[in-house]
Amino acid sequence: FMDKAYCRAPKLPEHILREIAARIAARPTKAITDQLSKKEL
């Protein structure tokens, strides 16, 4: 995701990427994606 999101993606070590992943997972990302609908485009 970061490689695609940034022009110059920061080179982060694995333990930092692991915590970033955990932080994203703790937010309602899946609950939101489950509600995404083309009817709301």
ModelCIF file with pLDDT and N, C-alpha, C, O atoms, coordinates in Angstrom:
data_MODEL
#
_entry.id   MODEL 
#
_entity.id                         1 
_entity.type                       polymer 
_entity.pdbx_number_of_molecules   1 
#
_entity_poly.entity_id                      1 
_entity_poly.type                           'polypeptide(L)' 
_entity_poly.nstd_linkage                   no 
_entity_poly.nstd_monomer                   no 
_entity_poly.pdbx_seq_one_letter_code       FMDKAYCRAPKLPEHILREIAARIAARPTKAITDQLSKKEL 
_entity_poly.pdbx_seq_one_letter_code_can   FMDKAYCRAPKLPEHILREIAARIAARPTKAITDQLSKKEL 
_entity_poly.pdbx_strand_id                 A 
#
loop_
_entity_poly_seq.entity_id 
_entity_poly_seq.num 
_entity_poly_seq.mon_id 
_entity_poly_seq.hetero 
1 1  PHE n 
1 2  MET n 
1 3  ASP n 
1 4  LYS n 
1 5  ALA n 
1 6  TYR n 
1 7  CYS n 
1 8  ARG n 
1 9  ALA n 
1 10 PRO n 
1 11 LYS n 
1 12 LEU n 
1 13 PRO n 
1 14 GLU n 
1 15 HIS n 
1 16 ILE n 
1 17 LEU n 
1 18 ARG n 
1 19 GLU n 
1 20 ILE n 
1 21 ALA n 
1 22 ALA n 
1 23 ARG n 
1 24 ILE n 
1 25 ALA n 
1 26 ALA n 
1 27 ARG n 
1 28 PRO n 
1 29 THR n 
1 30 LYS n 
1 31 ALA n 
1 32 ILE n 
1 33 THR n 
1 34 ASP n 
1 35 GLN n 
1 36 LEU n 
1 37 SER n 
1 38 LYS n 
1 39 LYS n 
1 40 GLU n 
1 41 LEU n 
#
_struct_asym.id          A 
_struct_asym.entity_id   1 
#
loop_
_ma_qa_metric.id 
_ma_qa_metric.mode 
_ma_qa_metric.name 
_ma_qa_metric.software_group_id 
_ma_qa_metric.type 
1 global pLDDT . pLDDT 
2 local  pLDDT . pLDDT 
#
_ma_qa_metric_global.metric_id      1 
_ma_qa_metric_global.metric_value   93.83 
_ma_qa_metric_global.model_id       1 
_ma_qa_metric_global.ordinal_id     1 
#
loop_
_ma_qa_metric_local.label_asym_id 
_ma_qa_metric_local.label_comp_id 
_ma_qa_metric_local.label_seq_id 
_ma_qa_metric_local.metric_id 
_ma_qa_metric_local.metric_value 
_ma_qa_metric_local.model_id 
_ma_qa_metric_local.ordinal_id 
A PHE 1  2 94.00 1 1  
A MET 2  2 94.00 1 2  
A ASP 3  2 94.00 1 3  
A LYS 4  2 95.00 1 4  
A ALA 5  2 95.00 1 5  
A TYR 6  2 96.00 1 6  
A CYS 7  2 93.00 1 7  
A ARG 8  2 90.00 1 8  
A ALA 9  2 90.00 1 9  
A PRO 10 2 89.00 1 10 
A LYS 11 2 90.00 1 11 
A LEU 12 2 91.00 1 12 
A PRO 13 2 93.00 1 13 
A GLU 14 2 94.00 1 14 
A HIS 15 2 92.00 1 15 
A ILE 16 2 92.00 1 16 
A LEU 17 2 94.00 1 17 
A ARG 18 2 94.00 1 18 
A GLU 19 2 93.00 1 19 
A ILE 20 2 93.00 1 20 
A ALA 21 2 94.00 1 21 
A ALA 22 2 94.00 1 22 
A ARG 23 2 93.00 1 23 
A ILE 24 2 94.00 1 24 
A ALA 25 2 94.00 1 25 
A ALA 26 2 94.00 1 26 
A ARG 27 2 96.00 1 27 
A PRO 28 2 96.00 1 28 
A THR 29 2 95.00 1 29 
A LYS 30 2 95.00 1 30 
A ALA 31 2 96.00 1 31 
A ILE 32 2 97.00 1 32 
A THR 33 2 96.00 1 33 
A ASP 34 2 95.00 1 34 
A GLN 35 2 96.00 1 35 
A LEU 36 2 94.00 1 36 
A SER 37 2 93.00 1 37 
A LYS 38 2 92.00 1 38 
A LYS 39 2 95.00 1 39 
A GLU 40 2 96.00 1 40 
A LEU 41 2 96.00 1 41 
#
loop_
_atom_site.group_PDB 
_atom_site.id 
_atom_site.type_symbol 
_atom_site.label_atom_id 
_atom_site.label_alt_id 
_atom_site.label_comp_id 
_atom_site.label_asym_id 
_atom_site.label_entity_id 
_atom_site.label_seq_id 
_atom_site.pdbx_PDB_ins_code 
_atom_site.Cartn_x 
_atom_site.Cartn_y 
_atom_site.Cartn_z 
_atom_site.occupancy 
_atom_site.B_iso_or_equiv 
_atom_site.pdbx_formal_charge 
_atom_site.auth_seq_id 
_atom_site.auth_comp_id 
_atom_site.auth_asym_id 
_atom_site.auth_atom_id 
_atom_site.pdbx_PDB_model_num 
ATOM 1   N N  . PHE A 1 1  ? 0.834   -1.200 0.000  1.00 94.00 ? 1  PHE A N  1 
ATOM 2   C CA . PHE A 1 1  ? 0.000   0.000  0.000  1.00 94.00 ? 1  PHE A CA 1 
ATOM 3   C C  . PHE A 1 1  ? 0.869   1.249  0.000  1.00 94.00 ? 1  PHE A C  1 
ATOM 4   O O  . PHE A 1 1  ? 0.617   2.174  -0.772 1.00 94.00 ? 1  PHE A O  1 
ATOM 5   N N  . MET A 1 2  ? 1.889   1.292  0.855  1.00 94.00 ? 2  MET A N  1 
ATOM 6   C CA . MET A 1 2  ? 2.738   2.486  0.946  1.00 94.00 ? 2  MET A CA 1 
ATOM 7   C C  . MET A 1 2  ? 3.505   2.715  -0.351 1.00 94.00 ? 2  MET A C  1 
ATOM 8   O O  . MET A 1 2  ? 3.687   3.858  -0.771 1.00 94.00 ? 2  MET A O  1 
ATOM 9   N N  . ASP A 1 3  ? 3.952   1.643  -0.983 1.00 94.00 ? 3  ASP A N  1 
ATOM 10  C CA . ASP A 1 3  ? 4.666   1.791  -2.259 1.00 94.00 ? 3  ASP A CA 1 
ATOM 11  C C  . ASP A 1 3  ? 3.777   2.434  -3.327 1.00 94.00 ? 3  ASP A C  1 
ATOM 12  O O  . ASP A 1 3  ? 4.256   3.174  -4.186 1.00 94.00 ? 3  ASP A O  1 
ATOM 13  N N  . LYS A 1 4  ? 2.474   2.138  -3.260 1.00 95.00 ? 4  LYS A N  1 
ATOM 14  C CA . LYS A 1 4  ? 1.549   2.713  -4.235 1.00 95.00 ? 4  LYS A CA 1 
ATOM 15  C C  . LYS A 1 4  ? 1.050   4.097  -3.822 1.00 95.00 ? 4  LYS A C  1 
ATOM 16  O O  . LYS A 1 4  ? 0.693   4.915  -4.669 1.00 95.00 ? 4  LYS A O  1 
ATOM 17  N N  . ALA A 1 5  ? 1.029   4.347  -2.520 1.00 95.00 ? 5  ALA A N  1 
ATOM 18  C CA . ALA A 1 5  ? 0.436   5.593  -2.019 1.00 95.00 ? 5  ALA A CA 1 
ATOM 19  C C  . ALA A 1 5  ? 1.401   6.766  -2.075 1.00 95.00 ? 5  ALA A C  1 
ATOM 20  O O  . ALA A 1 5  ? 0.972   7.916  -2.175 1.00 95.00 ? 5  ALA A O  1 
ATOM 21  N N  . TYR A 1 6  ? 2.690   6.493  -2.011 1.00 96.00 ? 6  TYR A N  1 
ATOM 22  C CA . TYR A 1 6  ? 3.689   7.563  -1.955 1.00 96.00 ? 6  TYR A CA 1 
ATOM 23  C C  . TYR A 1 6  ? 4.500   7.640  -3.245 1.00 96.00 ? 6  TYR A C  1 
ATOM 24  O O  . TYR A 1 6  ? 4.720   6.641  -3.930 1.00 96.00 ? 6  TYR A O  1 
ATOM 25  N N  . CYS A 1 7  ? 4.933   8.853  -3.548 1.00 93.00 ? 7  CYS A N  1 
ATOM 26  C CA . CYS A 1 7  ? 5.928   9.004  -4.617 1.00 93.00 ? 7  CYS A CA 1 
ATOM 27  C C  . CYS A 1 7  ? 7.252   8.392  -4.170 1.00 93.00 ? 7  CYS A C  1 
ATOM 28  O O  . CYS A 1 7  ? 7.922   7.684  -4.921 1.00 93.00 ? 7  CYS A O  1 
ATOM 29  N N  . ARG A 1 8  ? 7.604   8.689  -2.923 1.00 90.00 ? 8  ARG A N  1 
ATOM 30  C CA . ARG A 1 8  ? 8.845   8.166  -2.344 1.00 90.00 ? 8  ARG A CA 1 
ATOM 31  C C  . ARG A 1 8  ? 8.458   7.514  -1.012 1.00 90.00 ? 8  ARG A C  1 
ATOM 32  O O  . ARG A 1 8  ? 8.478   8.162  0.035  1.00 90.00 ? 8  ARG A O  1 
ATOM 33  N N  . ALA A 1 9  ? 8.112   6.252  -1.063 1.00 90.00 ? 9  ALA A N  1 
ATOM 34  C CA . ALA A 1 9  ? 7.640   5.562  0.131  1.00 90.00 ? 9  ALA A CA 1 
ATOM 35  C C  . ALA A 1 9  ? 8.757   5.448  1.160  1.00 90.00 ? 9  ALA A C  1 
ATOM 36  O O  . ALA A 1 9  ? 9.874   5.065  0.812  1.00 90.00 ? 9  ALA A O  1 
ATOM 37  N N  . PRO A 1 10 ? 8.478   5.773  2.419  1.00 89.00 ? 10 PRO A N  1 
ATOM 38  C CA . PRO A 1 10 ? 9.502   5.617  3.464  1.00 89.00 ? 10 PRO A CA 1 
ATOM 39  C C  . PRO A 1 10 ? 9.861   4.145  3.643  1.00 89.00 ? 10 PRO A C  1 
ATOM 40  O O  . PRO A 1 10 ? 8.995   3.272  3.599  1.00 89.00 ? 10 PRO A O  1 
ATOM 41  N N  . LYS A 1 11 ? 11.134  3.889  3.844  1.00 90.00 ? 11 LYS A N  1 
ATOM 42  C CA . LYS A 1 11 ? 11.609  2.517  4.033  1.00 90.00 ? 11 LYS A CA 1 
ATOM 43  C C  . LYS A 1 11 ? 11.584  2.185  5.519  1.00 90.00 ? 11 LYS A C  1 
ATOM 44  O O  . LYS A 1 11 ? 12.536  2.471  6.245  1.00 90.00 ? 11 LYS A O  1 
ATOM 45  N N  . LEU A 1 12 ? 10.497  1.585  5.961  1.00 91.00 ? 12 LEU A N  1 
ATOM 46  C CA . LEU A 1 12 ? 10.307  1.314  7.380  1.00 91.00 ? 12 LEU A CA 1 
ATOM 47  C C  . LEU A 1 12 ? 10.670  -0.129 7.706  1.00 91.00 ? 12 LEU A C  1 
ATOM 48  O O  . LEU A 1 12 ? 10.401  -1.030 6.912  1.00 91.00 ? 12 LEU A O  1 
ATOM 49  N N  . PRO A 1 13 ? 11.286  -0.360 8.882  1.00 93.00 ? 13 PRO A N  1 
ATOM 50  C CA . PRO A 1 13 ? 11.601  -1.747 9.280  1.00 93.00 ? 13 PRO A CA 1 
ATOM 51  C C  . PRO A 1 13 ? 10.327  -2.536 9.571  1.00 93.00 ? 13 PRO A C  1 
ATOM 52  O O  . PRO A 1 13 ? 9.248   -1.973 9.757  1.00 93.00 ? 13 PRO A O  1 
ATOM 53  N N  . GLU A 1 14 ? 10.488  -3.842 9.604  1.00 94.00 ? 14 GLU A N  1 
ATOM 54  C CA . GLU A 1 14 ? 9.322   -4.723 9.697  1.00 94.00 ? 14 GLU A CA 1 
ATOM 55  C C  . GLU A 1 14 ? 8.530   -4.514 10.978 1.00 94.00 ? 14 GLU A C  1 
ATOM 56  O O  . GLU A 1 14 ? 7.301   -4.581 10.958 1.00 94.00 ? 14 GLU A O  1 
ATOM 57  N N  . HIS A 1 15 ? 9.220   -4.259 12.110 1.00 92.00 ? 15 HIS A N  1 
ATOM 58  C CA . HIS A 1 15 ? 8.472   -4.144 13.364 1.00 92.00 ? 15 HIS A CA 1 
ATOM 59  C C  . HIS A 1 15 ? 7.572   -2.909 13.360 1.00 92.00 ? 15 HIS A C  1 
ATOM 60  O O  . HIS A 1 15 ? 6.522   -2.913 14.003 1.00 92.00 ? 15 HIS A O  1 
ATOM 61  N N  . ILE A 1 16 ? 7.963   -1.862 12.650 1.00 92.00 ? 16 ILE A N  1 
ATOM 62  C CA . ILE A 1 16 ? 7.114   -0.672 12.542 1.00 92.00 ? 16 ILE A CA 1 
ATOM 63  C C  . ILE A 1 16 ? 5.930   -0.963 11.622 1.00 92.00 ? 16 ILE A C  1 
ATOM 64  O O  . ILE A 1 16 ? 4.798   -0.585 11.924 1.00 92.00 ? 16 ILE A O  1 
ATOM 65  N N  . LEU A 1 17 ? 6.191   -1.630 10.506 1.00 94.00 ? 17 LEU A N  1 
ATOM 66  C CA . LEU A 1 17 ? 5.100   -2.000 9.603  1.00 94.00 ? 17 LEU A CA 1 
ATOM 67  C C  . LEU A 1 17 ? 4.095   -2.921 10.300 1.00 94.00 ? 17 LEU A C  1 
ATOM 68  O O  . LEU A 1 17 ? 2.891   -2.847 10.055 1.00 94.00 ? 17 LEU A O  1 
ATOM 69  N N  . ARG A 1 18 ? 4.612   -3.785 11.170 1.00 94.00 ? 18 ARG A N  1 
ATOM 70  C CA . ARG A 1 18 ? 3.730   -4.702 11.898 1.00 94.00 ? 18 ARG A CA 1 
ATOM 71  C C  . ARG A 1 18 ? 2.784   -3.923 12.810 1.00 94.00 ? 18 ARG A C  1 
ATOM 72  O O  . ARG A 1 18 ? 1.600   -4.246 12.905 1.00 94.00 ? 18 ARG A O  1 
ATOM 73  N N  . GLU A 1 19 ? 3.314   -2.893 13.482 1.00 93.00 ? 19 GLU A N  1 
ATOM 74  C CA . GLU A 1 19 ? 2.429   -2.119 14.370 1.00 93.00 ? 19 GLU A CA 1 
ATOM 75  C C  . GLU A 1 19 ? 1.468   -1.246 13.571 1.00 93.00 ? 19 GLU A C  1 
ATOM 76  O O  . GLU A 1 19 ? 0.322   -1.056 13.979 1.00 93.00 ? 19 GLU A O  1 
ATOM 77  N N  . ILE A 1 20 ? 1.920   -0.716 12.442 1.00 93.00 ? 20 ILE A N  1 
ATOM 78  C CA . ILE A 1 20 ? 1.007   0.054  11.591 1.00 93.00 ? 20 ILE A CA 1 
ATOM 79  C C  . ILE A 1 20 ? -0.159  -0.830 11.149 1.00 93.00 ? 20 ILE A C  1 
ATOM 80  O O  . ILE A 1 20 ? -1.315  -0.406 11.165 1.00 93.00 ? 20 ILE A O  1 
ATOM 81  N N  . ALA A 1 21 ? 0.162   -2.062 10.756 1.00 94.00 ? 21 ALA A N  1 
ATOM 82  C CA . ALA A 1 21 ? -0.899  -2.998 10.355 1.00 94.00 ? 21 ALA A CA 1 
ATOM 83  C C  . ALA A 1 21 ? -1.869  -3.239 11.509 1.00 94.00 ? 21 ALA A C  1 
ATOM 84  O O  . ALA A 1 21 ? -3.082  -3.294 11.302 1.00 94.00 ? 21 ALA A O  1 
ATOM 85  N N  . ALA A 1 22 ? -1.340  -3.381 12.716 1.00 94.00 ? 22 ALA A N  1 
ATOM 86  C CA . ALA A 1 22 ? -2.195  -3.616 13.881 1.00 94.00 ? 22 ALA A CA 1 
ATOM 87  C C  . ALA A 1 22 ? -3.073  -2.400 14.170 1.00 94.00 ? 22 ALA A C  1 
ATOM 88  O O  . ALA A 1 22 ? -4.236  -2.548 14.545 1.00 94.00 ? 22 ALA A O  1 
ATOM 89  N N  . ARG A 1 23 ? -2.524  -1.210 13.998 1.00 93.00 ? 23 ARG A N  1 
ATOM 90  C CA . ARG A 1 23 ? -3.299  0.011  14.235 1.00 93.00 ? 23 ARG A CA 1 
ATOM 91  C C  . ARG A 1 23 ? -4.446  0.128  13.222 1.00 93.00 ? 23 ARG A C  1 
ATOM 92  O O  . ARG A 1 23 ? -5.565  0.498  13.577 1.00 93.00 ? 23 ARG A O  1 
ATOM 93  N N  . ILE A 1 24 ? -4.151  -0.192 11.964 1.00 94.00 ? 24 ILE A N  1 
ATOM 94  C CA . ILE A 1 24 ? -5.198  -0.141 10.934 1.00 94.00 ? 24 ILE A CA 1 
ATOM 95  C C  . ILE A 1 24 ? -6.281  -1.174 11.228 1.00 94.00 ? 24 ILE A C  1 
ATOM 96  O O  . ILE A 1 24 ? -7.472  -0.892 11.099 1.00 94.00 ? 24 ILE A O  1 
ATOM 97  N N  . ALA A 1 25 ? -5.857  -2.369 11.624 1.00 94.00 ? 25 ALA A N  1 
ATOM 98  C CA . ALA A 1 25 ? -6.816  -3.444 11.907 1.00 94.00 ? 25 ALA A CA 1 
ATOM 99  C C  . ALA A 1 25 ? -7.696  -3.110 13.106 1.00 94.00 ? 25 ALA A C  1 
ATOM 100 O O  . ALA A 1 25 ? -8.840  -3.559 13.176 1.00 94.00 ? 25 ALA A O  1 
ATOM 101 N N  . ALA A 1 26 ? -7.172  -2.320 14.057 1.00 94.00 ? 26 ALA A N  1 
ATOM 102 C CA . ALA A 1 26 ? -7.948  -1.952 15.241 1.00 94.00 ? 26 ALA A CA 1 
ATOM 103 C C  . ALA A 1 26 ? -9.016  -0.906 14.923 1.00 94.00 ? 26 ALA A C  1 
ATOM 104 O O  . ALA A 1 26 ? -9.949  -0.705 15.701 1.00 94.00 ? 26 ALA A O  1 
ATOM 105 N N  . ARG A 1 27 ? -8.874  -0.252 13.794 1.00 96.00 ? 27 ARG A N  1 
ATOM 106 C CA . ARG A 1 27 ? -9.876  0.719  13.356 1.00 96.00 ? 27 ARG A CA 1 
ATOM 107 C C  . ARG A 1 27 ? -10.943 -0.024 12.536 1.00 96.00 ? 27 ARG A C  1 
ATOM 108 O O  . ARG A 1 27 ? -10.726 -1.172 12.149 1.00 96.00 ? 27 ARG A O  1 
ATOM 109 N N  . PRO A 1 28 ? -12.080 0.610  12.269 1.00 96.00 ? 28 PRO A N  1 
ATOM 110 C CA . PRO A 1 28 ? -13.189 -0.127 11.641 1.00 96.00 ? 28 PRO A CA 1 
ATOM 111 C C  . PRO A 1 28 ? -13.041 -0.262 10.124 1.00 96.00 ? 28 PRO A C  1 
ATOM 112 O O  . PRO A 1 28 ? -13.997 -0.046 9.379  1.00 96.00 ? 28 PRO A O  1 
ATOM 113 N N  . THR A 1 29 ? -11.839 -0.620 9.676  1.00 95.00 ? 29 THR A N  1 
ATOM 114 C CA . THR A 1 29 ? -11.596 -0.694 8.234  1.00 95.00 ? 29 THR A CA 1 
ATOM 115 C C  . THR A 1 29 ? -12.436 -1.784 7.578  1.00 95.00 ? 29 THR A C  1 
ATOM 116 O O  . THR A 1 29 ? -13.021 -1.570 6.516  1.00 95.00 ? 29 THR A O  1 
ATOM 117 N N  . LYS A 1 30 ? -12.492 -2.955 8.215  1.00 95.00 ? 30 LYS A N  1 
ATOM 118 C CA . LYS A 1 30 ? -13.276 -4.048 7.621  1.00 95.00 ? 30 LYS A CA 1 
ATOM 119 C C  . LYS A 1 30 ? -14.777 -3.734 7.694  1.00 95.00 ? 30 LYS A C  1 
ATOM 120 O O  . LYS A 1 30 ? -15.518 -4.006 6.750  1.00 95.00 ? 30 LYS A O  1 
ATOM 121 N N  . ALA A 1 31 ? -15.216 -3.165 8.814  1.00 96.00 ? 31 ALA A N  1 
ATOM 122 C CA . ALA A 1 31 ? -16.642 -2.822 8.950  1.00 96.00 ? 31 ALA A CA 1 
ATOM 123 C C  . ALA A 1 31 ? -17.062 -1.831 7.869  1.00 96.00 ? 31 ALA A C  1 
ATOM 124 O O  . ALA A 1 31 ? -18.174 -1.910 7.347  1.00 96.00 ? 31 ALA A O  1 
ATOM 125 N N  . ILE A 1 32 ? -16.174 -0.904 7.536  1.00 97.00 ? 32 ILE A N  1 
ATOM 126 C CA . ILE A 1 32 ? -16.487 0.092  6.497  1.00 97.00 ? 32 ILE A CA 1 
ATOM 127 C C  . ILE A 1 32 ? -16.478 -0.558 5.120  1.00 97.00 ? 32 ILE A C  1 
ATOM 128 O O  . ILE A 1 32 ? -17.393 -0.340 4.325  1.00 97.00 ? 32 ILE A O  1 
ATOM 129 N N  . THR A 1 33 ? -15.459 -1.351 4.833  1.00 96.00 ? 33 THR A N  1 
ATOM 130 C CA . THR A 1 33 ? -15.395 -1.980 3.505  1.00 96.00 ? 33 THR A CA 1 
ATOM 131 C C  . THR A 1 33 ? -16.572 -2.932 3.300  1.00 96.00 ? 33 THR A C  1 
ATOM 132 O O  . THR A 1 33 ? -17.045 -3.100 2.176  1.00 96.00 ? 33 THR A O  1 
ATOM 133 N N  . ASP A 1 34 ? -17.047 -3.555 4.382  1.00 95.00 ? 34 ASP A N  1 
ATOM 134 C CA . ASP A 1 34 ? -18.220 -4.436 4.265  1.00 95.00 ? 34 ASP A CA 1 
ATOM 135 C C  . ASP A 1 34 ? -19.470 -3.659 3.855  1.00 95.00 ? 34 ASP A C  1 
ATOM 136 O O  . ASP A 1 34 ? -20.401 -4.230 3.288  1.00 95.00 ? 34 ASP A O  1 
ATOM 137 N N  . GLN A 1 35 ? -19.490 -2.355 4.144  1.00 96.00 ? 35 GLN A N  1 
ATOM 138 C CA . GLN A 1 35 ? -20.666 -1.539 3.836  1.00 96.00 ? 35 GLN A CA 1 
ATOM 139 C C  . GLN A 1 35 ? -20.537 -0.791 2.508  1.00 96.00 ? 35 GLN A C  1 
ATOM 140 O O  . GLN A 1 35 ? -21.488 -0.145 2.068  1.00 96.00 ? 35 GLN A O  1 
ATOM 141 N N  . LEU A 1 36 ? -19.374 -0.874 1.869  1.00 94.00 ? 36 LEU A N  1 
ATOM 142 C CA . LEU A 1 36 ? -19.193 -0.152 0.604  1.00 94.00 ? 36 LEU A CA 1 
ATOM 143 C C  . LEU A 1 36 ? -20.133 -0.713 -0.458 1.00 94.00 ? 36 LEU A C  1 
ATOM 144 O O  . LEU A 1 36 ? -20.264 -1.927 -0.615 1.00 94.00 ? 36 LEU A O  1 
ATOM 145 N N  . SER A 1 37 ? -20.782 0.190  -1.179 1.00 93.00 ? 37 SER A N  1 
ATOM 146 C CA . SER A 1 37 ? -21.756 -0.226 -2.181 1.00 93.00 ? 37 SER A CA 1 
ATOM 147 C C  . SER A 1 37 ? -21.668 0.686  -3.399 1.00 93.00 ? 37 SER A C  1 
ATOM 148 O O  . SER A 1 37 ? -21.536 1.904  -3.277 1.00 93.00 ? 37 SER A O  1 
ATOM 149 N N  . LYS A 1 38 ? -21.745 0.070  -4.571 1.00 92.00 ? 38 LYS A N  1 
ATOM 150 C CA . LYS A 1 38 ? -21.746 0.877  -5.791 1.00 92.00 ? 38 LYS A CA 1 
ATOM 151 C C  . LYS A 1 38 ? -22.980 1.775  -5.877 1.00 92.00 ? 38 LYS A C  1 
ATOM 152 O O  . LYS A 1 38 ? -22.994 2.752  -6.626 1.00 92.00 ? 38 LYS A O  1 
ATOM 153 N N  . LYS A 1 39 ? -24.016 1.436  -5.102 1.00 95.00 ? 39 LYS A N  1 
ATOM 154 C CA . LYS A 1 39 ? -25.204 2.293  -5.082 1.00 95.00 ? 39 LYS A CA 1 
ATOM 155 C C  . LYS A 1 39 ? -24.891 3.671  -4.508 1.00 95.00 ? 39 LYS A C  1 
ATOM 156 O O  . LYS A 1 39 ? -25.613 4.635  -4.763 1.00 95.00 ? 39 LYS A O  1 
ATOM 157 N N  . GLU A 1 40 ? -23.815 3.762  -3.734 1.00 96.00 ? 40 GLU A N  1 
ATOM 158 C CA . GLU A 1 40 ? -23.450 5.039  -3.119 1.00 96.00 ? 40 GLU A CA 1 
ATOM 159 C C  . GLU A 1 40 ? -22.365 5.785  -3.891 1.00 96.00 ? 40 GLU A C  1 
ATOM 160 O O  . GLU A 1 40 ? -21.889 6.828  -3.441 1.00 96.00 ? 40 GLU A O  1 
ATOM 161 N N  . LEU A 1 41 ? -21.966 5.250  -5.066 1.00 96.00 ? 41 LEU A N  1 
ATOM 162 C CA . LEU A 1 41 ? -21.035 6.002  -5.902 1.00 96.00 ? 41 LEU A CA 1 
ATOM 163 C C  . LEU A 1 41 ? -21.674 7.330  -6.317 1.00 96.00 ? 41 LEU A C  1 
ATOM 164 O O  . LEU A 1 41 ? -21.051 8.118  -7.029 1.00 96.00 ? 41 LEU A O  1 
#
